[in-house]
Every structure is written in structure tokens, then in C-alpha cells.
Amino acid sequence: MPHDARPLPELVSFLETLSEPHILCDRDYRIIAANAAYRRSCAHGRDVVGRTCYDVSHRYSVPCDRAGESCPLARSLQSGQRERVLHLHHTPRGEEYVNIELSPVRDADGEIAWFIEKMEPMQVARGVSDHRGLIGRSPAFQRMLELVARVAPSEASVLLQGESGTGKELVASAVHEASRRAQGPFVAVDCSGLPETLFESELFGHERGAFTGATARKPGLIEAASGGTLFLDELGDIPLGMQVKLLRLLETGTYRRVGSTELRRADIRLVSATHRPLKRMIAEGSFRQDLYFRINTFPITVPALRAREGDLPLLVESLLERVAPQRRLAVSPAAMRLLAAHPFPGNVRELRNVLERASLMCDGETIGPEHLPEELLGVEAETVPSHEPAPSSALSGDALDLDEVQRQALLRAVRSHRGSRRELARRLGISERTLYRRLKALQLDGDGHG
């Protein structure tokens, strides 16, 4: 259709009545109109009419689909329908994740003439370092976040699966915060920490005298989560006897306190998480198949840290703000290389522990290799070809002499230790024999002299 075709003034006027950010685009990605909410929250208060949506939102010179992203406008032109995507946009507050809902508008001939695009910031995640919420920009992280954005507004049960330490409780909290239950409670239950004898009482509550020690009536965690979200962490650890009672709760929406005949109605949204292989457990008979189908309405895989390429610097910056909020710590390039080379089997939880320890070991403002745990110091050395000569100094530009770093780190540990060699080995997490061998290899005696 001609580029100078104009939409009805009534349509432009309608956008101004909407409280959420909206823009009107033509088929060539040009912004025809933007309401006050968009100008205020997404465009620094500036006029954007005549500019392309991909220039304003992404600072791209080409449409999103030609820049490696999913473009809702291109998808709508192809499907002829409304399209939804999650994008990382430039805003006055920095880069933020935004839920985009784009609807085609047809002319009198039934042809798509314009597009109305609604933008809803996703407050639970950021693409820049932040002291709270989910942080990341990697494709694996964005795929997970898009699923969170899609399922959160519903009441569907969510099953989070992923390795230990990936941050499943943070993702569960994000589902809650982006849902219609956000004003209600978020109650997390660690199923691995509850013995079977206490599980039913903790979950459903009990009446006075229901069992020995029940000296008073006690509401359960289901009641505590009423109107909000119940998060069952490590669901795979729930005993078989309790699985059938949980299934009954989910199927009927009702339960009884232990020792009571009164049927109570539950008002919860269930989010579960596990690192266990539930399908294998079903085959082995240790997890109920019917319960699995009931909780697995919407599965989300939480990616391991090693699968989140490019997210490490963001996470490091964010975690340092959390573990040492009063300091402005940075990580040297050499230390960052060691962190990047480590597989982090404990994922983000392990990274946080490493950084917290490093912040305590560091007296200055820059964390170097010498402040990192010993198990990280050998990683880069093993990846360097043996024929390459080692730098002559411990730090030469960004070069790293790991022998010297290990020597200095061990030297500090020895000099600050006031106890036996056995206690020092335990503190370093190695055997006494290994400590002796390393002291000898680095020409250090037990008193820290070279």
C-alpha cells in the first residue's frame, strides 16, 4: 500500500487513552504514532514519529529479524495474526526486557495496513547488572525468560527442571511476581528437608492433639500461601506416600488438616522444581506418573551456567553487589579468564560462593587470581599449550604466571594460619599430604618462608 496512507485519527486518539506504552507502525516499520505512556517510559520523552521501531528500541540499522532476533512485525505479516515476543529494549533506565504484543490492523480492503504494538516491561529480569531479580542476555537465558513471560499470567502449574544451583527459586519467584497473584504470598518449601513424618503436617497443617507433640492447632503452608504461589523445591524428594495426597490436592483443590474431618479449599498456584530425572524415577517406581502429568503442565528448563554464554560478567558484577554491597569491587581480566574457564558444576550458587570468598580475601578494589579458590587456579594452566613459555612475572599485562599466583596465595594462607598443618590442609580443602607436596614444590616450609 502507499507509504503516505494515514490511519484514522480516531485510531491515533484511541492510543492516547491507553495507560500502557503503545505505538502504531506501518508495514515499513516506521512509527506513525506513539502514546504518552510510550514517550515517557520508552523514548526518553522525545518524539519518535517517523523513526523505525527497531532504531528506537534496539538502535539497530536493520529490522530485528535481520539482526538475529525474532521480529513480531515480520511474523505478523507472514501469519496475519497477533504475535507476542520478549525483547531486550533500550529504555531511560537502561536495557530492560519487554513483553511485546503486536496486533495487525486491516484497511477497508482487508489488507494489513498498520500494526498496534503494546509494550509491557518485565520487571523481574534485566539485561544489565542488578542487585535483584534475574540477570542475563544469553540466548539460553532469553529462551527461559520468554517461557516465564508466557506462563506467568495464567494459573497453569509450572515445573522447573535444571541442575542444582541454577537459581530455580529465583525463576519461581519471577513467575509469581509476573502473575496476577503477585500481591499474594510466595511460600517456598524445601521438600528435601522435610521427613515424611512431618511433611503432611507442615503442608496441610494439623489440629491440636492430632499426634504426640501437637499441643496447638497449626495452619499449614498451603494456608500460608493462600491467594499466592506455593513453591515446592526438590519435588523429586517427596515420599511416595505423600505424593498421592499431593495429587489429590491438585486434582480436587481441597485438603484436610491432620486430625480434622473438615474439608478445606486451597487457593494456590503451584510451581515445582527438581534437579532429579523424574522420568527415570517414574520407570523405577519412585515417582508417580499421574502426579508428574499433573505438575508438568508447563515445563521450563533452567539453563546451567556453562550454557549461558556471555552472561558470566553480568552475573559477576551483580553478585559482587550482593556479597559486598559496601564496596565497589571489580574482577581483573586474568581472574575473569579463570572464572570463564571453570565449568561451575555448582552453577550460580557456586559462583556466588567463589566471589564471596574472593571478596573476603581481597583487601583492595580488584579481585585477582590470587584471591580465587585453589581449584580454579589450575584451569587456565591446563588449557595453555606446554610449549608456550610462561611469563616472567606474576602479572604481565593480562598474562598470568599461575605458579607464582599459587605460590602467593599459599604463602598468604600459611602466614595467616595459626595452627597445625593438618588444620591448614582442612581449611584449604586438601589433604595433608597434598599440602606438604605443594609447600615443597613451591619452596615453602610450614612457617611460610621461601
Protein backbone atom coordinates (compact mmCIF):
# COMPACT_ATOMS: atom_id res chain seq x y z
CA MET A 1 0.00 0.00 0.00
CA PRO A 2 1.23 3.62 -0.49
CA HIS A 3 3.64 4.88 2.15
CA ASP A 4 1.68 8.12 2.61
CA ALA A 5 -1.52 6.33 3.65
CA ARG A 6 -2.63 7.61 7.03
CA PRO A 7 -4.57 5.76 9.72
CA LEU A 8 -7.83 7.11 11.04
CA PRO A 9 -7.36 9.98 13.53
CA GLU A 10 -9.71 8.09 15.84
CA LEU A 11 -7.20 5.22 15.98
CA VAL A 12 -4.34 7.55 16.93
CA SER A 13 -6.56 9.26 19.51
CA PHE A 14 -7.50 5.88 20.97
CA LEU A 15 -3.84 5.03 21.66
CA GLU A 16 -3.54 8.13 23.85
CA THR A 17 -6.26 6.81 26.17
CA LEU A 18 -4.25 3.65 26.98
CA SER A 19 -2.15 3.55 30.14
CA GLU A 20 0.37 1.03 28.76
CA PRO A 21 3.04 2.07 26.21
CA HIS A 22 1.67 1.69 22.65
CA ILE A 23 2.91 2.64 19.20
CA LEU A 24 1.34 2.48 15.75
CA CYS A 25 3.61 1.30 12.92
CA ASP A 26 3.25 0.90 9.17
CA ARG A 27 4.40 -2.07 7.14
CA ASP A 28 7.85 -0.48 6.74
CA TYR A 29 8.49 -0.44 10.49
CA ARG A 30 8.00 3.33 10.69
CA ILE A 31 6.34 4.70 13.83
CA ILE A 32 3.19 6.60 12.84
CA ALA A 33 2.07 7.46 16.36
CA ALA A 34 3.21 6.87 19.95
CA ASN A 35 1.11 7.47 23.05
CA ALA A 36 2.23 9.46 26.09
CA ALA A 37 2.99 6.29 28.09
CA TYR A 38 5.42 5.14 25.38
CA ARG A 39 7.10 8.53 25.05
CA ARG A 40 7.52 8.70 28.82
CA SER A 41 8.76 5.18 29.58
CA CYS A 42 10.43 4.05 26.37
CA ALA A 43 11.59 7.09 24.40
CA HIS A 44 13.17 9.47 26.93
CA GLY A 45 10.23 11.83 26.34
CA ARG A 46 11.35 12.51 22.77
CA ASP A 47 9.23 12.43 19.63
CA VAL A 48 9.75 9.18 17.74
CA VAL A 49 7.27 9.60 14.89
CA GLY A 50 8.91 8.87 11.56
CA ARG A 51 11.68 6.72 13.04
CA THR A 52 11.71 2.93 12.76
CA CYS A 53 10.74 0.81 15.73
CA TYR A 54 13.99 -1.17 15.53
CA ASP A 55 16.05 2.04 15.66
CA VAL A 56 14.22 3.40 18.72
CA SER A 57 14.02 0.14 20.68
CA HIS A 58 17.27 -1.59 19.70
CA ARG A 59 19.41 1.05 17.98
CA TYR A 60 19.62 -1.36 15.05
CA SER A 61 20.06 -0.20 11.46
CA VAL A 62 18.06 -3.17 10.15
CA PRO A 63 14.84 -4.92 11.30
CA CYS A 64 15.12 -7.33 14.25
CA ASP A 65 14.85 -10.49 12.14
CA ARG A 66 17.87 -9.37 10.09
CA ALA A 67 19.79 -8.71 13.32
CA GLY A 68 19.35 -12.24 14.67
CA GLU A 69 16.18 -11.68 16.72
CA SER A 70 12.54 -12.64 16.34
CA CYS A 71 10.61 -9.74 14.78
CA PRO A 72 6.90 -9.63 15.70
CA LEU A 73 6.06 -7.39 12.73
CA ALA A 74 7.66 -9.74 10.21
CA ARG A 75 5.96 -12.70 11.88
CA SER A 76 2.57 -10.96 11.81
CA LEU A 77 2.94 -10.13 8.12
CA GLN A 78 3.53 -13.82 7.49
CA SER A 79 0.85 -15.22 9.82
CA GLY A 80 -1.71 -12.45 9.50
CA GLN A 81 -2.32 -12.77 13.25
CA ARG A 82 -1.36 -11.20 16.55
CA GLU A 83 2.18 -12.07 17.66
CA ARG A 84 3.93 -11.99 21.04
CA VAL A 85 7.69 -11.89 21.71
CA LEU A 86 10.10 -10.97 24.50
CA HIS A 87 12.73 -8.40 23.54
CA LEU A 88 15.57 -6.56 25.24
CA HIS A 89 14.92 -2.82 24.70
CA HIS A 90 16.86 0.36 25.37
CA THR A 91 14.91 2.46 27.88
CA PRO A 92 15.67 5.55 30.00
CA ARG A 93 16.55 3.11 32.80
CA GLY A 94 18.97 1.07 30.69
CA GLU A 95 18.30 -2.18 28.86
CA GLU A 96 15.14 -3.92 30.04
CA TYR A 97 13.17 -6.97 28.98
CA VAL A 98 9.83 -6.03 27.42
CA ASN A 99 6.85 -8.21 26.55
CA ILE A 100 5.62 -7.14 23.12
CA GLU A 101 2.14 -7.85 21.83
CA LEU A 102 1.67 -6.78 18.21
CA SER A 103 -1.75 -6.75 16.52
CA PRO A 104 -2.32 -6.17 12.79
CA VAL A 105 -4.88 -3.54 11.71
CA ARG A 106 -6.56 -4.06 8.32
CA ASP A 107 -7.84 -1.46 5.88
CA ALA A 108 -11.19 -1.41 4.06
CA ASP A 109 -9.87 -3.95 1.54
CA GLY A 110 -8.92 -6.42 4.28
CA GLU A 111 -5.19 -5.88 3.81
CA ILE A 112 -2.83 -5.36 6.75
CA ALA A 113 -2.10 -1.64 6.76
CA TRP A 114 -0.75 -0.92 10.24
CA PHE A 115 0.32 -2.58 13.46
CA ILE A 116 -0.50 -1.66 17.05
CA GLU A 117 2.33 -2.65 19.35
CA LYS A 118 1.83 -2.85 23.11
CA MET A 119 4.87 -2.94 25.37
CA GLU A 120 4.88 -4.25 28.94
CA PRO A 121 8.19 -4.09 30.85
CA MET A 122 9.09 -7.38 32.52
CA GLN A 123 10.13 -6.14 35.94
CA VAL A 124 11.50 -9.48 37.16
CA ALA A 125 14.51 -9.60 34.81
CA ARG A 126 17.19 -7.28 33.49
CA GLY A 127 19.76 -7.41 30.71
CA VAL A 128 22.21 -5.40 32.81
CA SER A 129 23.71 -5.93 36.23
CA ASP A 130 21.20 -5.51 39.02
CA HIS A 131 21.14 -6.32 42.72
CA ARG A 132 17.89 -8.27 42.46
CA GLY A 133 15.90 -10.46 40.12
CA LEU A 134 17.07 -12.48 37.13
CA ILE A 135 20.09 -11.28 35.18
CA GLY A 136 21.18 -12.39 31.71
CA ARG A 137 21.37 -11.77 27.97
CA SER A 138 22.41 -15.15 26.58
CA PRO A 139 20.11 -16.98 24.13
CA ALA A 140 19.56 -19.80 26.66
CA PHE A 141 18.54 -17.28 29.33
CA GLN A 142 16.22 -15.41 26.96
CA ARG A 143 14.51 -18.65 25.87
CA MET A 144 13.81 -19.46 29.51
CA LEU A 145 12.59 -15.94 30.23
CA GLU A 146 10.19 -15.97 27.28
CA LEU A 147 8.58 -19.11 28.71
CA VAL A 148 8.29 -17.39 32.10
CA ALA A 149 6.60 -14.42 30.44
CA ARG A 150 4.12 -16.67 28.64
CA VAL A 151 3.08 -18.83 31.58
CA ALA A 152 3.15 -16.29 34.42
CA PRO A 153 -0.24 -14.60 33.73
CA SER A 154 -2.01 -17.99 33.72
CA GLU A 155 -2.86 -20.34 36.59
CA ALA A 156 -1.03 -23.28 34.99
CA SER A 157 1.23 -25.45 37.15
CA VAL A 158 4.90 -24.92 36.30
CA LEU A 159 7.70 -27.48 36.60
CA LEU A 160 11.24 -26.05 36.70
CA GLN A 161 13.96 -28.53 35.87
CA GLY A 162 17.68 -27.92 35.98
CA GLU A 163 20.89 -28.65 37.82
CA SER A 164 21.42 -27.69 41.45
CA GLY A 165 22.45 -24.08 41.92
CA THR A 166 20.94 -22.72 38.70
CA GLY A 167 18.55 -20.41 40.54
CA LYS A 168 15.27 -22.29 40.25
CA GLU A 169 13.79 -20.49 43.27
CA LEU A 170 14.57 -17.13 41.64
CA VAL A 171 12.77 -18.28 38.49
CA ALA A 172 9.81 -19.49 40.57
CA SER A 173 9.70 -16.10 42.28
CA ALA A 174 9.78 -14.42 38.85
CA VAL A 175 6.77 -16.48 37.76
CA HIS A 176 4.96 -15.32 40.91
CA GLU A 177 5.95 -11.65 40.53
CA ALA A 178 4.78 -11.57 36.91
CA SER A 179 1.45 -13.24 37.72
CA ARG A 180 -1.93 -11.95 38.83
CA ARG A 181 -1.07 -13.33 42.29
CA ALA A 182 1.93 -11.03 42.71
CA GLN A 183 0.29 -9.21 45.63
CA GLY A 184 -0.25 -12.52 47.44
CA PRO A 185 2.37 -14.54 49.38
CA PHE A 186 5.17 -16.57 47.83
CA VAL A 187 5.80 -19.59 50.07
CA ALA A 188 8.81 -21.79 49.34
CA VAL A 189 9.03 -25.34 50.73
CA ASP A 190 12.26 -27.36 50.62
CA CYS A 191 10.90 -30.88 50.20
CA SER A 192 14.33 -32.44 50.74
CA GLY A 193 14.49 -31.00 54.26
CA LEU A 194 11.18 -32.46 55.46
CA PRO A 195 11.00 -36.04 56.82
CA GLU A 196 7.88 -37.98 55.83
CA THR A 197 6.56 -37.87 59.41
CA LEU A 198 6.43 -34.06 59.29
CA PHE A 199 5.65 -33.46 55.63
CA GLU A 200 1.87 -33.83 55.82
CA SER A 201 1.63 -31.72 58.97
CA GLU A 202 3.79 -28.94 57.52
CA LEU A 203 1.94 -28.87 54.20
CA PHE A 204 -1.65 -29.31 55.36
CA GLY A 205 -1.43 -28.18 58.99
CA HIS A 206 -2.76 -30.09 62.00
CA GLU A 207 -5.31 -29.89 64.80
CA ARG A 208 -4.49 -29.89 68.47
CA GLY A 209 -3.92 -33.44 69.70
CA ALA A 210 -3.56 -34.87 66.17
CA PHE A 211 -0.33 -36.55 67.25
CA THR A 212 2.14 -36.53 70.12
CA GLY A 213 3.53 -33.03 70.50
CA ALA A 214 0.64 -31.32 68.69
CA THR A 215 -0.23 -29.07 71.61
CA ALA A 216 -1.98 -26.44 69.48
CA ARG A 217 -3.74 -26.07 66.14
CA LYS A 218 -1.31 -25.12 63.39
CA PRO A 219 -2.17 -23.88 59.88
CA GLY A 220 -0.13 -25.48 57.10
CA LEU A 221 1.94 -23.97 54.32
CA ILE A 222 -0.97 -24.31 51.88
CA GLU A 223 -2.94 -21.92 54.06
CA ALA A 224 0.07 -19.64 54.36
CA ALA A 225 0.26 -19.47 50.54
CA SER A 226 -3.47 -18.78 50.10
CA GLY A 227 -4.05 -16.23 47.36
CA GLY A 228 -0.45 -16.59 46.18
CA THR A 229 2.06 -19.15 44.98
CA LEU A 230 3.28 -22.36 46.65
CA PHE A 231 6.78 -23.30 45.50
CA LEU A 232 7.75 -26.94 46.12
CA ASP A 233 11.52 -27.13 45.73
CA GLU A 234 13.16 -30.53 45.17
CA LEU A 235 9.83 -32.12 44.39
CA GLY A 236 11.57 -35.38 43.48
CA ASP A 237 12.34 -35.93 47.17
CA ILE A 238 8.68 -36.17 48.22
CA PRO A 239 7.98 -39.66 49.66
CA LEU A 240 5.61 -41.88 47.66
CA GLY A 241 3.06 -41.87 50.46
CA MET A 242 2.80 -38.10 50.30
CA GLN A 243 2.74 -37.97 46.51
CA VAL A 244 -0.77 -39.41 46.39
CA LYS A 245 -2.01 -36.80 48.89
CA LEU A 246 -0.41 -34.00 46.91
CA LEU A 247 -2.04 -35.37 43.75
CA ARG A 248 -5.44 -35.35 45.47
CA LEU A 249 -4.89 -31.73 46.49
CA LEU A 250 -4.06 -30.71 42.93
CA GLU A 251 -6.94 -32.62 41.37
CA THR A 252 -9.69 -31.58 43.79
CA GLY A 253 -8.33 -28.28 45.12
CA THR A 254 -9.20 -29.46 48.63
CA TYR A 255 -7.37 -30.90 51.65
CA ARG A 256 -7.80 -31.68 55.36
CA ARG A 257 -5.60 -30.71 58.25
CA VAL A 258 -4.08 -33.70 60.03
CA GLY A 259 -6.54 -34.80 62.70
CA SER A 260 -9.51 -32.96 61.12
CA THR A 261 -12.53 -34.10 59.09
CA GLU A 262 -13.21 -30.61 57.75
CA LEU A 263 -12.60 -30.25 54.04
CA ARG A 264 -10.76 -27.02 53.24
CA ARG A 265 -10.37 -25.37 49.84
CA ALA A 266 -6.91 -24.39 48.62
CA ASP A 267 -6.32 -21.13 46.73
CA ILE A 268 -2.79 -21.58 45.44
CA ARG A 269 -0.84 -21.59 42.21
CA LEU A 270 1.75 -24.40 42.21
CA VAL A 271 5.31 -24.03 40.96
CA SER A 272 7.60 -27.04 41.44
CA ALA A 273 11.30 -27.62 40.89
CA THR A 274 13.70 -30.53 40.85
CA HIS A 275 17.15 -31.49 39.64
CA ARG A 276 16.20 -35.18 39.66
CA PRO A 277 15.37 -37.17 36.48
CA LEU A 278 11.63 -37.60 37.11
CA LYS A 279 11.00 -39.75 34.02
CA ARG A 280 13.65 -42.23 35.16
CA MET A 281 12.18 -42.17 38.67
CA ILE A 282 8.76 -42.99 37.19
CA ALA A 283 10.27 -46.01 35.39
CA GLU A 284 11.92 -47.09 38.65
CA GLY A 285 8.67 -46.69 40.58
CA SER A 286 9.86 -43.94 42.92
CA PHE A 287 7.71 -41.16 41.43
CA ARG A 288 4.04 -41.31 40.46
CA GLN A 289 3.33 -40.88 36.76
CA ASP A 290 -0.09 -39.32 37.37
CA LEU A 291 1.48 -36.70 39.67
CA TYR A 292 4.13 -35.98 37.04
CA PHE A 293 1.49 -35.27 34.40
CA ARG A 294 -0.39 -33.04 36.83
CA ILE A 295 2.59 -30.84 37.78
CA ASN A 296 4.19 -30.82 34.33
CA THR A 297 1.56 -28.64 32.64
CA PHE A 298 4.22 -26.11 31.63
CA PRO A 299 7.84 -27.33 31.90
CA ILE A 300 10.71 -24.83 31.91
CA THR A 301 14.37 -25.81 31.80
CA VAL A 302 16.61 -23.52 33.84
CA PRO A 303 19.94 -23.48 31.96
CA ALA A 304 23.24 -24.36 33.58
CA LEU A 305 25.77 -21.55 33.97
CA ARG A 306 28.08 -23.13 31.39
CA ALA A 307 25.24 -22.94 28.82
CA ARG A 308 24.74 -19.20 29.38
CA GLU A 309 27.48 -17.92 27.09
CA GLY A 310 28.26 -14.26 27.72
CA ASP A 311 26.32 -13.98 30.99
CA LEU A 312 29.28 -14.51 33.33
CA PRO A 313 30.47 -10.85 33.52
CA LEU A 314 26.90 -9.67 34.21
CA LEU A 315 26.44 -12.25 36.94
CA VAL A 316 29.84 -11.48 38.48
CA GLU A 317 29.03 -7.77 38.67
CA SER A 318 25.58 -8.39 40.11
CA LEU A 319 26.74 -10.97 42.67
CA LEU A 320 29.57 -8.74 43.87
CA GLU A 321 26.99 -6.03 44.58
CA ARG A 322 25.13 -8.56 46.72
CA VAL A 323 28.02 -10.18 48.63
CA ALA A 324 29.96 -6.92 49.18
CA PRO A 325 27.38 -4.11 48.90
CA GLN A 326 29.56 -1.54 50.69
CA ARG A 327 32.49 -1.98 48.29
CA ARG A 328 32.94 -1.28 44.59
CA LEU A 329 34.79 -4.45 43.68
CA ALA A 330 35.92 -5.36 40.18
CA VAL A 331 37.46 -8.51 38.74
CA SER A 332 40.74 -8.36 36.84
CA PRO A 333 40.89 -9.73 33.27
CA ALA A 334 43.15 -12.57 34.41
CA ALA A 335 40.73 -13.58 37.18
CA MET A 336 37.79 -13.34 34.79
CA ARG A 337 39.55 -15.72 32.39
CA LEU A 338 39.92 -18.24 35.19
CA LEU A 339 36.25 -17.89 36.11
CA ALA A 340 35.24 -18.32 32.46
CA ALA A 341 37.35 -21.48 32.14
CA HIS A 342 35.82 -23.13 35.21
CA PRO A 343 32.86 -25.46 34.47
CA PHE A 344 30.99 -24.45 37.66
CA PRO A 345 29.22 -27.73 38.44
CA GLY A 346 27.50 -25.85 41.28
CA ASN A 347 26.32 -23.19 38.80
CA VAL A 348 25.36 -19.69 40.03
CA ARG A 349 25.35 -20.82 43.67
CA GLU A 350 28.97 -21.92 43.34
CA LEU A 351 29.88 -18.68 41.55
CA ARG A 352 28.37 -16.67 44.39
CA ASN A 353 30.35 -18.65 46.98
CA VAL A 354 33.57 -18.16 44.99
CA LEU A 355 33.00 -14.41 44.76
CA GLU A 356 32.07 -14.08 48.42
CA ARG A 357 35.27 -15.83 49.44
CA ALA A 358 37.30 -13.74 46.98
CA SER A 359 35.81 -10.52 48.37
CA LEU A 360 36.95 -11.54 51.85
CA MET A 361 40.44 -12.39 50.60
CA CYS A 362 40.78 -9.12 48.67
CA ASP A 363 41.90 -6.02 50.60
CA GLY A 364 41.82 -3.68 47.62
CA GLU A 365 39.22 -2.95 44.96
CA THR A 366 40.23 -5.52 42.33
CA ILE A 367 39.85 -9.27 42.70
CA GLY A 368 42.79 -11.05 41.10
CA PRO A 369 43.64 -14.72 40.51
CA GLU A 370 45.39 -14.85 43.87
CA HIS A 371 42.06 -14.26 45.61
CA LEU A 372 40.28 -17.17 43.91
CA PRO A 373 40.00 -20.68 45.39
CA GLU A 374 42.79 -23.08 44.61
CA GLU A 375 40.65 -25.34 42.42
CA LEU A 376 40.24 -22.52 39.90
CA LEU A 377 43.92 -21.69 39.59
CA GLY A 378 44.92 -24.77 37.63
CA VAL A 379 42.25 -24.44 34.95
CA GLU A 380 43.92 -21.92 32.66
CA ALA A 381 47.32 -23.57 33.07
CA GLU A 382 45.89 -26.85 31.74
CA THR A 383 44.45 -25.10 28.67
CA VAL A 384 47.74 -23.41 27.69
CA PRO A 385 49.96 -25.50 25.33
CA SER A 386 53.02 -26.81 27.17
CA HIS A 387 55.46 -25.38 24.60
CA GLU A 388 54.43 -21.78 25.37
CA PRO A 389 56.87 -20.09 27.73
CA ALA A 390 55.45 -18.79 30.98
CA PRO A 391 55.58 -15.01 31.57
CA SER A 392 58.50 -13.89 33.69
CA SER A 393 56.32 -12.05 36.21
CA ALA A 394 53.13 -12.93 38.01
CA LEU A 395 51.18 -10.31 36.06
CA SER A 396 52.47 -9.04 32.75
CA GLY A 397 49.67 -7.05 31.15
CA ASP A 398 46.91 -9.65 31.13
CA ALA A 399 49.38 -12.56 31.14
CA LEU A 400 49.40 -14.84 34.13
CA ASP A 401 52.09 -16.95 35.79
CA LEU A 402 49.92 -19.42 37.67
CA ASP A 403 52.84 -20.93 39.59
CA GLU A 404 53.57 -17.54 41.10
CA VAL A 405 49.88 -16.90 41.78
CA GLN A 406 49.56 -20.26 43.55
CA ARG A 407 52.74 -19.54 45.49
CA GLN A 408 51.49 -16.13 46.66
CA ALA A 409 48.04 -17.47 47.58
CA LEU A 410 49.50 -20.38 49.51
CA LEU A 411 52.05 -18.10 51.12
CA ARG A 412 49.29 -15.82 52.41
CA ALA A 413 47.33 -18.79 53.72
CA VAL A 414 50.38 -20.17 55.55
CA ARG A 415 51.36 -16.83 57.07
CA SER A 416 47.82 -16.07 58.28
CA HIS A 417 47.35 -19.55 59.77
CA ARG A 418 47.86 -20.09 63.48
CA GLY A 419 47.56 -23.80 63.94
CA SER A 420 48.75 -27.21 62.81
CA ARG A 421 49.47 -28.26 59.23
CA ARG A 422 46.51 -30.64 59.45
CA GLU A 423 44.18 -27.72 60.29
CA LEU A 424 45.65 -25.67 57.42
CA ALA A 425 45.03 -28.52 54.98
CA ARG A 426 41.43 -28.81 56.20
CA ARG A 427 40.97 -25.05 55.78
CA LEU A 428 42.27 -25.22 52.19
CA GLY A 429 40.10 -28.24 51.40
CA ILE A 430 43.03 -30.55 50.56
CA SER A 431 44.76 -33.49 52.22
CA GLU A 432 47.73 -33.02 54.50
CA ARG A 433 49.88 -34.99 52.04
CA THR A 434 48.83 -32.69 49.17
CA LEU A 435 49.62 -29.63 51.30
CA TYR A 436 53.07 -30.97 52.10
CA ARG A 437 53.75 -31.72 48.42
CA ARG A 438 52.68 -28.21 47.33
CA LEU A 439 54.69 -26.50 50.03
CA LYS A 440 57.72 -28.44 48.90
CA ALA A 441 57.08 -27.77 45.20
CA LEU A 442 56.75 -24.04 45.85
CA GLN A 443 59.87 -23.97 48.08
CA LEU A 444 57.81 -23.05 51.16
CA ASP A 445 58.25 -24.57 54.58
CA GLY A 446 55.49 -24.84 57.11
CA ASP A 447 56.27 -21.39 58.52
CA GLY A 448 55.73 -19.62 55.18
CA HIS A 449 59.41 -18.98 54.36
CA GLY A 450 60.70 -19.41 50.82
